């Protein structure tokens, strides 16, 4: 038995037996069988239902699956009614009231949260026709909003929409591809009018394991209004443990090289975890990869082996790269196939049971343009269904060149700035502010680390009811102390950002209890 970061043991897979799509035979839909099928990336359809069983959201078909599905749908319906209260129906409430108990205040805050979510939703998978539909976008906003209101910590954070999208598309394709004659159980599960309810169920089940990577714990702003170091985040501590307890032991040379390059795990690992590798591989590979990850249960205890497999797969080219090149490679979509990563992750988990796949050659890596030469399609859609599921490349591929160029520039800026300052007899007044702005992504010089966001370039948005002072200019202390000619300027310029107030929805008074919480806690 191998051990994971949560101190649990994982069971190795056994002999695989073929199953038929849309056929809920008890033998091929047992938990043990589904785990083996997921490891072999041979889950039968409806794959969304298999995910729900693996994540313990519903029992296998041999259990009370219909009762469980109905419970999830009833819970979502009650949650939607409670959080859709019309403030005009509250007698005596003032629309201008600032009281936290005011229905009008909560209504305006809810609209602000929905607007924030919509900003991300409209950018979801821009090359997928399904997500350009306004009704689909509105559905995603509702699901994310209701989940955020029911989970104030972490609330909604950027990147969650890219977890919901593949789950929603899988549910949609399962309904589109279903044959006309199915069992009564499947007919009930595949009802189109419950697509939104089931997407909330599946998203909640996935977030059960991912929530710890989005939460900021008890992080609050310091007296100056700035956030403390990123080391307080659970996801950063998780990545630090991964490096010290696994990577250093498995590949000390690679771990030392990354440390010498000053490349910390959170620079790339946060995005990998929060998006569950959704931007690292073509979207057509994501269903099999997610099924593989879900096979270990709702807490995703072995997801760290996927990170290790990705790093070790790239070790040769990383060891031959300088800081800028290595960082740009890690920030771009992976050039290693997801199938190789899954095989290597299995070997790292159980070296005696699974052979190690051959190391990819350097020629296998795409170092200039990460976009594949052949288009990919979402694997869940059949040939007949692809009219509404457009082809595309891995998300983020269109900006990979820019990210690589910026990473290389930032890695070489400090030395270039020092050399330029030494060469100039009297640096002009604009030199240091300009250098500070160029280096603002250096996490040693700025407290609010923008790379902590899954999709980057946006400040954290889940610190409810607080005001943040975010530095927009940070000066290099080394230059401040060593250059007498530098003009007297403020140490930092700060801009106030108001974060909306949000009250957590207490689900204890709903007619139906949360089925997922009852099954997993």
Protein backbone atom coordinates (compact mmCIF):
# COMPACT_ATOMS: atom_id res chain seq x y z
CA UNK A 1 0.00 0.00 0.00
CA UNK A 2 1.34 3.45 -0.90
CA UNK A 3 0.93 6.53 1.28
CA UNK A 4 -0.46 9.93 0.27
CA UNK A 5 -0.14 13.45 1.65
CA UNK A 6 -3.19 12.96 3.85
CA UNK A 7 -1.61 9.96 5.54
CA UNK A 8 -4.08 7.54 3.92
CA UNK A 9 -3.38 4.37 2.01
CA UNK A 10 -4.37 3.83 -1.59
CA UNK A 11 -5.45 0.57 -3.13
CA UNK A 12 -3.77 -0.57 -6.35
CA UNK A 13 -5.91 -1.44 -9.35
CA UNK A 14 -6.73 -4.98 -10.41
CA UNK A 15 -7.83 -6.79 -13.57
CA UNK A 16 -10.14 -4.76 -15.77
CA UNK A 17 -13.44 -6.14 -17.13
CA UNK A 18 -15.20 -4.51 -20.07
CA UNK A 19 -18.41 -2.56 -19.40
CA UNK A 20 -21.10 -1.19 -21.71
CA UNK A 21 -22.15 2.45 -21.97
CA UNK A 22 -25.51 3.36 -20.43
CA UNK A 23 -25.87 -0.09 -18.90
CA UNK A 24 -26.08 0.06 -15.09
CA UNK A 25 -25.20 -3.56 -14.36
CA UNK A 26 -24.43 -3.94 -10.69
CA UNK A 27 -21.18 -5.82 -11.33
CA UNK A 28 -19.75 -3.12 -13.61
CA UNK A 29 -21.01 -0.20 -11.53
CA UNK A 30 -19.74 -1.28 -8.13
CA UNK A 31 -17.32 1.07 -6.40
CA UNK A 32 -14.45 -1.40 -6.76
CA UNK A 33 -15.06 -1.85 -10.46
CA UNK A 34 -15.41 1.88 -11.15
CA UNK A 35 -12.08 2.56 -9.44
CA UNK A 36 -10.35 -0.03 -11.62
CA UNK A 37 -12.05 1.32 -14.75
CA UNK A 38 -11.02 4.91 -13.89
CA UNK A 39 -7.38 3.87 -13.46
CA UNK A 40 -7.55 2.13 -16.83
CA UNK A 41 -9.31 5.29 -18.17
CA UNK A 42 -12.18 3.13 -19.39
CA UNK A 43 -15.14 4.51 -17.46
CA UNK A 44 -18.46 3.69 -19.07
CA UNK A 45 -21.03 6.38 -19.82
CA UNK A 46 -22.74 8.25 -18.37
CA UNK A 47 -19.32 9.25 -17.12
CA UNK A 48 -20.73 12.08 -15.01
CA UNK A 49 -22.65 9.50 -12.95
CA UNK A 50 -19.49 7.43 -12.56
CA UNK A 51 -17.70 10.54 -11.26
CA UNK A 52 -20.52 11.14 -8.76
CA UNK A 53 -20.23 7.57 -7.49
CA UNK A 54 -16.43 7.75 -7.22
CA UNK A 55 -16.69 11.05 -5.33
CA UNK A 56 -19.24 9.48 -2.98
CA UNK A 57 -21.93 11.99 -3.94
CA UNK A 58 -24.32 9.13 -4.73
CA UNK A 59 -24.16 5.38 -4.01
CA UNK A 60 -23.64 2.81 -6.77
CA UNK A 61 -26.79 1.70 -8.65
CA UNK A 62 -27.03 -1.30 -6.34
CA UNK A 63 -27.86 1.12 -3.51
CA UNK A 64 -30.52 3.78 -3.07
CA UNK A 65 -29.18 5.83 -5.97
CA UNK A 66 -32.57 7.24 -6.99
CA UNK A 67 -33.29 8.43 -3.46
CA UNK A 68 -29.85 10.04 -3.25
CA UNK A 69 -30.18 11.84 -6.60
CA UNK A 70 -33.63 13.09 -5.59
CA UNK A 71 -32.19 14.33 -2.30
CA UNK A 72 -29.51 16.36 -4.09
CA UNK A 73 -32.06 17.91 -6.39
CA UNK A 74 -34.43 18.76 -3.55
CA UNK A 75 -31.60 20.34 -1.59
CA UNK A 76 -30.55 22.52 -4.53
CA UNK A 77 -34.13 23.57 -5.18
CA UNK A 78 -34.55 24.62 -1.55
CA UNK A 79 -31.21 26.44 -1.55
CA UNK A 80 -32.16 28.28 -4.73
CA UNK A 81 -35.49 29.40 -3.26
CA UNK A 82 -33.91 30.60 -0.04
CA UNK A 83 -31.17 32.59 -1.78
CA UNK A 84 -33.52 34.07 -4.40
CA UNK A 85 -35.61 36.02 -1.88
CA UNK A 86 -37.13 39.19 -3.30
CA UNK A 87 -36.26 42.02 -0.85
CA UNK A 88 -39.47 43.81 -1.82
CA UNK A 89 -41.36 41.08 0.00
CA UNK A 90 -39.75 42.02 3.32
CA UNK A 91 -42.02 44.49 5.10
CA UNK A 92 -40.32 47.48 6.72
CA UNK A 93 -36.88 46.95 5.16
CA UNK A 94 -35.20 50.07 3.77
CA UNK A 95 -33.33 49.75 0.43
CA UNK A 96 -30.75 52.22 1.81
CA UNK A 97 -30.20 50.30 5.02
CA UNK A 98 -26.61 49.42 5.95
CA UNK A 99 -27.72 46.90 8.57
CA UNK A 100 -26.12 43.50 8.02
CA UNK A 101 -29.53 41.93 8.58
CA UNK A 102 -31.13 43.98 5.82
CA UNK A 103 -32.49 41.94 2.93
CA UNK A 104 -31.84 44.87 0.62
CA UNK A 105 -28.17 45.09 1.59
CA UNK A 106 -27.75 41.38 1.02
CA UNK A 107 -29.57 41.72 -2.30
CA UNK A 108 -27.13 44.37 -3.54
CA UNK A 109 -24.15 42.35 -2.30
CA UNK A 110 -25.50 39.27 -4.05
CA UNK A 111 -25.75 41.20 -7.31
CA UNK A 112 -22.16 42.30 -6.89
CA UNK A 113 -21.06 38.72 -6.36
CA UNK A 114 -23.02 37.56 -9.43
CA UNK A 115 -21.40 40.29 -11.52
CA UNK A 116 -17.97 39.16 -10.32
CA UNK A 117 -18.74 35.55 -11.24
CA UNK A 118 -20.13 36.57 -14.64
CA UNK A 119 -16.85 38.29 -15.51
CA UNK A 120 -15.15 34.89 -15.33
CA UNK A 121 -17.99 32.83 -16.77
CA UNK A 122 -18.19 34.79 -20.04
CA UNK A 123 -14.50 33.96 -20.63
CA UNK A 124 -14.94 30.23 -20.01
CA UNK A 125 -13.58 28.11 -22.87
CA UNK A 126 -14.09 30.79 -25.56
CA UNK A 127 -13.68 28.26 -28.38
CA UNK A 128 -16.46 25.97 -27.08
CA UNK A 129 -19.79 26.91 -28.66
CA UNK A 130 -21.72 25.41 -25.75
CA UNK A 131 -20.37 28.02 -23.34
CA UNK A 132 -21.25 30.92 -25.61
CA UNK A 133 -24.93 30.26 -24.99
CA UNK A 134 -26.39 32.88 -22.64
CA UNK A 135 -28.63 30.36 -20.89
CA UNK A 136 -25.61 28.18 -20.13
CA UNK A 137 -23.67 31.17 -18.81
CA UNK A 138 -26.58 32.20 -16.58
CA UNK A 139 -26.83 28.64 -15.28
CA UNK A 140 -23.12 28.62 -14.41
CA UNK A 141 -23.47 31.94 -12.57
CA UNK A 142 -26.36 30.58 -10.52
CA UNK A 143 -24.55 27.36 -9.60
CA UNK A 144 -21.36 29.18 -8.60
CA UNK A 145 -23.31 31.87 -6.73
CA UNK A 146 -25.37 29.40 -4.71
CA UNK A 147 -22.28 27.37 -3.87
CA UNK A 148 -20.36 30.49 -2.80
CA UNK A 149 -23.23 31.66 -0.58
CA UNK A 150 -23.36 28.23 1.07
CA UNK A 151 -19.54 28.19 1.51
CA UNK A 152 -18.37 31.64 2.62
CA UNK A 153 -14.91 30.18 3.18
CA UNK A 154 -13.55 30.00 0.59
CA UNK A 155 -16.55 31.63 -1.14
CA UNK A 156 -16.13 32.21 -4.85
CA UNK A 157 -12.62 32.49 -6.17
CA UNK A 158 -11.34 32.91 -9.67
CA UNK A 159 -10.75 29.54 -11.26
CA UNK A 160 -13.82 27.76 -9.89
CA UNK A 161 -15.65 28.41 -13.14
CA UNK A 162 -13.05 26.23 -14.89
CA UNK A 163 -13.88 23.38 -12.51
CA UNK A 164 -17.61 23.71 -13.11
CA UNK A 165 -17.29 23.94 -16.91
CA UNK A 166 -15.88 20.44 -17.65
CA UNK A 167 -18.34 18.89 -15.19
CA UNK A 168 -21.27 20.72 -16.81
CA UNK A 169 -20.13 19.77 -20.31
CA UNK A 170 -19.81 16.14 -19.26
CA UNK A 171 -23.36 16.18 -17.89
CA UNK A 172 -24.59 17.82 -21.09
CA UNK A 173 -22.84 15.33 -23.38
CA UNK A 174 -24.09 12.38 -21.33
CA UNK A 175 -27.62 13.57 -22.00
CA UNK A 176 -27.00 14.23 -25.68
CA UNK A 177 -25.39 10.86 -26.35
CA UNK A 178 -27.88 8.75 -24.39
CA UNK A 179 -29.70 6.10 -26.45
CA UNK A 180 -33.46 6.17 -26.65
CA UNK A 181 -33.99 3.04 -24.57
CA UNK A 182 -32.35 3.14 -21.14
CA UNK A 183 -33.28 1.88 -17.70
CA UNK A 184 -35.73 3.78 -15.53
CA UNK A 185 -32.88 4.79 -13.23
CA UNK A 186 -30.90 6.32 -16.08
CA UNK A 187 -33.99 7.94 -17.55
CA UNK A 188 -34.55 9.73 -14.26
CA UNK A 189 -30.90 10.74 -13.93
CA UNK A 190 -30.67 12.05 -17.51
CA UNK A 191 -33.70 14.35 -17.33
CA UNK A 192 -32.77 17.61 -19.03
CA UNK A 193 -34.68 19.79 -16.55
CA UNK A 194 -32.30 18.70 -13.78
CA UNK A 195 -29.07 19.59 -15.56
CA UNK A 196 -28.54 22.60 -13.29
CA UNK A 197 -29.30 20.62 -10.14
CA UNK A 198 -26.90 17.84 -11.12
CA UNK A 199 -24.15 20.28 -12.06
CA UNK A 200 -24.36 21.75 -8.56
CA UNK A 201 -24.16 18.25 -7.10
CA UNK A 202 -21.12 17.27 -9.19
CA UNK A 203 -19.36 20.61 -8.70
CA UNK A 204 -19.88 20.40 -4.94
CA UNK A 205 -18.48 16.86 -4.91
CA UNK A 206 -15.35 17.93 -6.82
CA UNK A 207 -14.87 20.99 -4.62
CA UNK A 208 -14.95 18.74 -1.55
CA UNK A 209 -11.38 17.80 -2.39
CA UNK A 210 -10.32 21.08 -4.01
CA UNK A 211 -11.72 23.46 -1.39
CA UNK A 212 -8.54 23.30 0.69
CA UNK A 213 -6.56 24.66 -2.26
CA UNK A 214 -8.79 27.73 -2.54
CA UNK A 215 -9.15 28.64 1.12
CA UNK A 216 -7.00 31.27 2.80
CA UNK A 217 -7.67 29.89 6.28
CA UNK A 218 -7.58 32.63 8.89
CA UNK A 219 -5.54 35.07 6.82
CA UNK A 220 -6.51 38.68 7.54
CA UNK A 221 -4.85 41.96 6.47
CA UNK A 222 -2.10 43.41 8.64
CA UNK A 223 -2.50 46.79 10.34
CA UNK A 224 -1.15 48.46 7.20
CA UNK A 225 -3.90 46.81 5.18
CA UNK A 226 -1.61 44.41 3.32
CA UNK A 227 -1.94 40.64 3.40
CA UNK A 228 0.72 38.58 5.22
CA UNK A 229 3.08 36.24 3.41
CA UNK A 230 1.62 33.63 1.10
CA UNK A 231 3.18 30.89 3.25
CA UNK A 232 0.07 31.03 5.43
CA UNK A 233 -2.10 29.57 2.65
CA UNK A 234 -3.03 25.91 2.93
CA UNK A 235 -2.19 25.27 -0.70
CA UNK A 236 1.31 26.68 -0.27
CA UNK A 237 1.94 24.54 2.78
CA UNK A 238 0.66 21.54 0.82
CA UNK A 239 3.10 22.25 -2.01
CA UNK A 240 5.97 22.79 0.43
CA UNK A 241 5.25 19.39 2.00
CA UNK A 242 5.10 17.83 -1.45
CA UNK A 243 8.54 19.17 -2.23
CA UNK A 244 10.18 18.22 1.06
CA UNK A 245 8.56 14.82 1.59
CA UNK A 246 8.35 13.55 -1.99
CA UNK A 247 10.24 15.50 -4.67
CA UNK A 248 13.47 15.84 -2.66
CA UNK A 249 13.47 12.07 -2.03
CA UNK A 250 12.42 11.01 -5.52
CA UNK A 251 14.57 13.42 -7.53
CA UNK A 252 16.96 15.48 -5.37
CA UNK A 253 18.78 16.81 -8.43
CA UNK A 254 15.61 18.32 -9.88
CA UNK A 255 14.53 19.70 -6.50
CA UNK A 256 17.94 21.34 -6.02
CA UNK A 257 17.89 22.80 -9.53
CA UNK A 258 14.48 24.39 -8.99
CA UNK A 259 15.71 25.82 -5.68
CA UNK A 260 18.84 27.25 -7.32
CA UNK A 261 16.62 28.85 -9.97
CA UNK A 262 14.51 30.34 -7.15
CA UNK A 263 11.42 28.64 -8.60
CA UNK A 264 9.09 27.82 -5.71
CA UNK A 265 6.35 25.23 -6.11
CA UNK A 266 3.52 27.73 -5.70
CA UNK A 267 4.52 29.66 -8.82
CA UNK A 268 3.05 26.90 -10.97
CA UNK A 269 1.54 24.41 -8.51
CA UNK A 270 -1.31 26.62 -7.36
CA UNK A 271 -2.75 26.85 -10.85
CA UNK A 272 -2.24 23.13 -11.42
CA UNK A 273 -4.17 22.27 -8.25
CA UNK A 274 -6.90 24.90 -8.33
CA UNK A 275 -7.82 24.14 -11.93
CA UNK A 276 -7.15 20.42 -11.46
CA UNK A 277 -4.72 20.49 -14.41
CA UNK A 278 -7.46 21.78 -16.70
CA UNK A 279 -5.09 24.17 -18.48
CA UNK A 280 -2.13 21.83 -18.62
CA UNK A 281 -3.55 19.35 -21.13
CA UNK A 282 -5.92 19.43 -24.11
CA UNK A 283 -9.52 19.49 -22.93
CA UNK A 284 -10.18 16.19 -24.68
CA UNK A 285 -7.80 14.54 -22.18
CA UNK A 286 -9.38 16.03 -19.07
CA UNK A 287 -12.27 13.52 -18.57
CA UNK A 288 -9.88 10.55 -18.40
CA UNK A 289 -7.44 12.46 -16.19
CA UNK A 290 -10.18 13.58 -13.82
CA UNK A 291 -11.61 10.06 -13.64
CA UNK A 292 -8.14 8.83 -12.73
CA UNK A 293 -7.87 11.44 -9.96
CA UNK A 294 -11.42 10.80 -8.70
CA UNK A 295 -10.74 7.07 -8.37
CA UNK A 296 -9.15 7.71 -4.96
CA UNK A 297 -12.26 9.27 -3.44
CA UNK A 298 -13.72 12.71 -2.71
CA UNK A 299 -10.68 14.14 -0.86
CA UNK A 300 -8.38 13.49 -3.87
CA UNK A 301 -5.63 12.10 -1.63
CA UNK A 302 -3.21 11.16 -4.40
CA UNK A 303 -3.36 14.27 -6.56
CA UNK A 304 0.21 15.09 -5.52
CA UNK A 305 1.47 12.10 -7.53
CA UNK A 306 0.16 13.79 -10.68
CA UNK A 307 2.21 16.90 -9.86
CA UNK A 308 5.30 14.77 -9.23
CA UNK A 309 4.72 12.88 -12.47
CA UNK A 310 4.49 16.13 -14.45
CA UNK A 311 7.70 17.48 -12.94
CA UNK A 312 9.68 14.27 -13.35
CA UNK A 313 8.43 13.90 -16.94
CA UNK A 314 9.99 17.29 -17.71
CA UNK A 315 13.14 16.80 -15.61
CA UNK A 316 15.62 16.49 -18.48
CA UNK A 317 14.64 19.73 -20.18
CA UNK A 318 14.23 21.50 -16.82
CA UNK A 319 17.76 20.52 -15.78
CA UNK A 320 19.09 21.88 -19.08
CA UNK A 321 17.22 25.20 -18.69
CA UNK A 322 18.11 28.43 -16.98
CA UNK A 323 15.71 30.18 -14.61
CA UNK A 324 13.65 31.96 -17.25
CA UNK A 325 13.36 28.99 -19.57
CA UNK A 326 12.46 26.58 -16.76
CA UNK A 327 9.82 28.90 -15.34
CA UNK A 328 8.29 29.54 -18.76
CA UNK A 329 8.09 25.79 -19.37
CA UNK A 330 6.28 25.23 -16.07
CA UNK A 331 3.84 28.09 -16.68
CA UNK A 332 2.77 26.84 -20.10
CA UNK A 333 0.46 23.95 -21.02
CA UNK A 334 2.31 20.67 -20.57
CA UNK A 335 4.00 19.18 -23.60
CA UNK A 336 3.91 15.73 -21.99
CA UNK A 337 0.86 13.62 -22.76
CA UNK A 338 -1.68 13.09 -20.01
CA UNK A 339 -1.46 9.34 -20.62
CA UNK A 340 2.26 9.39 -19.79
CA UNK A 341 1.58 11.46 -16.67
CA UNK A 342 -1.08 9.01 -15.49
CA UNK A 343 1.22 6.04 -16.08
CA UNK A 344 4.09 7.67 -14.22
CA UNK A 345 1.79 8.70 -11.35
CA UNK A 346 0.70 5.08 -10.99
CA UNK A 347 4.34 3.96 -10.91
CA UNK A 348 5.21 6.53 -8.27
CA UNK A 349 2.29 5.34 -6.14
CA UNK A 350 3.05 1.60 -6.51
CA UNK A 351 6.52 1.03 -8.00
CA UNK A 352 6.31 -2.73 -7.50
CA UNK A 353 2.97 -3.09 -9.29
CA UNK A 354 3.19 -0.61 -12.17
CA UNK A 355 6.26 -0.36 -14.45
CA UNK A 356 7.84 3.00 -15.05
CA UNK A 357 7.05 4.44 -18.49
CA UNK A 358 10.01 5.57 -20.62
CA UNK A 359 11.15 9.14 -20.11
CA UNK A 360 9.99 11.46 -22.93
CA UNK A 361 12.74 12.62 -25.24
CA UNK A 362 13.70 16.28 -25.42
CA UNK A 363 12.40 16.35 -28.98
CA UNK A 364 8.94 15.47 -27.63
CA UNK A 365 8.69 18.86 -25.95
CA UNK A 366 7.24 21.84 -27.78
CA UNK A 367 9.36 24.76 -26.60
CA UNK A 368 8.12 27.49 -28.93
CA UNK A 369 4.41 27.04 -29.60
CA UNK A 370 2.41 24.89 -27.18
CA UNK A 371 -0.62 24.77 -29.46
CA UNK A 372 -1.02 21.33 -31.06
CA UNK A 373 -0.90 21.01 -34.82
CA UNK A 374 -4.09 18.95 -34.79
CA UNK A 375 -7.30 20.20 -33.17
CA UNK A 376 -8.69 18.39 -30.14
CA UNK A 377 -12.30 17.64 -29.42
CA UNK A 378 -13.97 17.01 -26.11
CA UNK A 379 -13.88 13.27 -25.68
CA UNK A 380 -17.36 13.03 -24.18
CA UNK A 381 -19.05 14.21 -27.40
CA UNK A 382 -19.74 11.75 -30.19
CA UNK A 383 -19.48 12.59 -33.86
CA UNK A 384 -23.17 13.46 -33.92
CA UNK A 385 -22.87 15.69 -30.87
CA UNK A 386 -19.87 17.73 -31.95
CA UNK A 387 -22.00 20.32 -33.67
CA UNK A 388 -22.44 21.96 -30.28
CA UNK A 389 -18.99 21.07 -28.90
CA UNK A 390 -16.45 22.98 -30.96
CA UNK A 391 -12.85 21.96 -31.33
CA UNK A 392 -10.07 23.71 -29.51
CA UNK A 393 -6.69 23.53 -27.87
CA UNK A 394 -5.73 23.45 -24.22
CA UNK A 395 -6.98 26.49 -22.33
CA UNK A 396 -4.23 29.06 -21.94
CA UNK A 397 -2.39 28.02 -25.09
CA UNK A 398 -3.09 31.35 -26.77
CA UNK A 399 -1.20 33.27 -24.06
CA UNK A 400 1.63 30.80 -23.50
CA UNK A 401 4.15 32.81 -25.53
CA UNK A 402 3.38 35.97 -23.60
CA UNK A 403 3.68 34.18 -20.25
CA UNK A 404 6.98 32.65 -21.30
CA UNK A 405 8.36 36.00 -22.42
CA UNK A 406 7.25 37.70 -19.21
CA UNK A 407 8.74 34.94 -17.06
CA UNK A 408 12.07 35.20 -18.85
CA UNK A 409 12.04 38.99 -18.58
CA UNK A 410 11.26 38.98 -14.86
CA UNK A 411 13.95 36.42 -14.16
CA UNK A 412 16.62 38.59 -15.80
CA UNK A 413 15.42 42.02 -14.68
CA UNK A 414 17.18 42.29 -11.27
CA UNK A 415 20.65 41.68 -12.66
CA UNK A 416 20.01 44.01 -15.61
CA UNK A 417 18.72 46.76 -13.32
CA UNK A 418 21.78 46.47 -11.06
CA UNK A 419 24.14 46.61 -14.03
CA UNK A 420 22.37 49.63 -15.49
CA UNK A 421 22.38 51.46 -12.15
CA UNK A 422 26.10 50.82 -11.76
CA UNK A 423 26.85 52.04 -15.28
CA UNK A 424 24.94 55.31 -14.92
CA UNK A 425 26.81 58.08 -13.08
CA UNK A 426 23.52 59.55 -11.88
CA UNK A 427 20.38 57.51 -12.52
CA UNK A 428 17.48 59.67 -13.72
CA UNK A 429 14.56 60.23 -11.30
CA UNK A 430 12.28 57.87 -13.19
CA UNK A 431 14.71 54.95 -13.08
CA UNK A 432 13.78 53.41 -9.73
CA UNK A 433 9.98 53.75 -10.05
CA UNK A 434 10.24 52.16 -13.49
CA UNK A 435 12.41 49.32 -12.20
CA UNK A 436 10.02 48.75 -9.31
CA UNK A 437 7.03 48.51 -11.60
CA UNK A 438 8.81 46.06 -13.88
CA UNK A 439 9.71 43.85 -10.93
CA UNK A 440 6.29 43.97 -9.23
CA UNK A 441 5.62 40.28 -9.83
CA UNK A 442 8.63 39.33 -7.70
CA UNK A 443 6.95 37.69 -4.71
CA UNK A 444 9.80 38.71 -2.44
CA UNK A 445 8.99 42.39 -2.99
CA UNK A 446 5.21 42.42 -2.96
CA UNK A 447 2.81 41.09 -0.36
CA UNK A 448 -0.26 40.50 -2.50
CA UNK A 449 0.94 37.72 -4.81
CA UNK A 450 -1.12 37.82 -7.98
CA UNK A 451 0.11 34.37 -8.98
CA UNK A 452 -1.88 32.91 -6.10
CA UNK A 453 -5.02 33.30 -8.18
CA UNK A 454 -5.75 30.30 -10.35
CA UNK A 455 -6.09 32.37 -13.51
CA UNK A 456 -3.71 35.08 -12.24
CA UNK A 457 -3.89 38.85 -12.72
CA UNK A 458 -6.64 39.41 -10.14
CA UNK A 459 -6.39 40.17 -6.46
CA UNK A 460 -7.98 37.76 -3.96
CA UNK A 461 -11.72 38.30 -3.68
CA UNK A 462 -12.91 36.11 -0.84
CA UNK A 463 -11.85 38.15 2.18
CA UNK A 464 -15.37 39.14 3.08
CA UNK A 465 -16.24 42.49 4.58
CA UNK A 466 -12.68 43.82 4.72
CA UNK A 467 -10.74 46.60 3.00
CA UNK A 468 -7.35 45.81 1.50
CA UNK A 469 -4.52 48.21 0.76
CA UNK A 470 -2.77 46.78 -2.27
CA UNK A 471 0.69 48.18 -3.16
CA UNK A 472 0.99 49.19 -6.79
CA UNK A 473 4.59 50.42 -6.57
CA UNK A 474 7.31 48.78 -4.52
CA UNK A 475 10.87 50.07 -4.43
CA UNK A 476 13.98 47.96 -4.18
CA UNK A 477 15.39 48.52 -0.67
CA UNK A 478 18.89 47.75 -1.88
CA UNK A 479 18.79 50.69 -4.25
CA UNK A 480 17.16 52.94 -1.66
CA UNK A 481 19.99 52.36 0.80
CA UNK A 482 22.86 52.47 -1.68
CA UNK A 483 21.99 55.36 -3.97
CA UNK A 484 22.28 58.83 -2.44
CA UNK A 485 20.98 60.48 -5.59
CA UNK A 486 17.59 58.84 -5.32
CA UNK A 487 14.83 61.40 -4.70
CA UNK A 488 12.71 61.13 -1.56
CA UNK A 489 9.57 59.26 -2.51
CA UNK A 490 6.88 57.47 -0.56
CA UNK A 491 7.77 53.87 0.15
CA UNK A 492 4.58 52.66 -1.45
CA UNK A 493 1.49 53.97 -3.08
CA UNK A 494 -1.67 52.25 -1.94
CA UNK A 495 -5.11 51.91 -3.44
CA UNK A 496 -8.17 50.92 -1.43
CA UNK A 497 -10.14 47.96 -2.73
CA UNK A 498 -13.59 47.38 -1.23
CA UNK A 499 -14.67 43.76 -0.98
CA UNK A 500 -18.40 43.17 -0.72
CA UNK A 501 -20.05 41.89 2.43
CA UNK A 502 -21.35 38.36 2.31
CA UNK A 503 -23.33 36.31 4.82
CA UNK A 504 -23.11 32.54 4.70
CA UNK A 505 -26.35 30.75 3.97
CA UNK A 506 -27.22 28.46 6.85
CA UNK A 507 -28.54 25.28 5.27
CA UNK A 508 -29.57 23.75 8.58
CA UNK A 509 -33.06 25.24 8.37
CA UNK A 510 -33.76 23.95 4.85
CA UNK A 511 -36.40 21.23 4.50
CA UNK A 512 -33.77 18.88 3.03
CA UNK A 513 -30.27 18.39 4.47
CA UNK A 514 -27.22 18.51 2.20
CA UNK A 515 -26.87 14.92 0.89
CA UNK A 516 -23.18 15.41 0.04
CA UNK A 517 -22.36 16.52 3.57
CA UNK A 518 -24.28 13.59 5.01
CA UNK A 519 -22.40 11.12 2.81
CA UNK A 520 -18.88 12.52 3.17
CA UNK A 521 -18.69 13.82 6.73
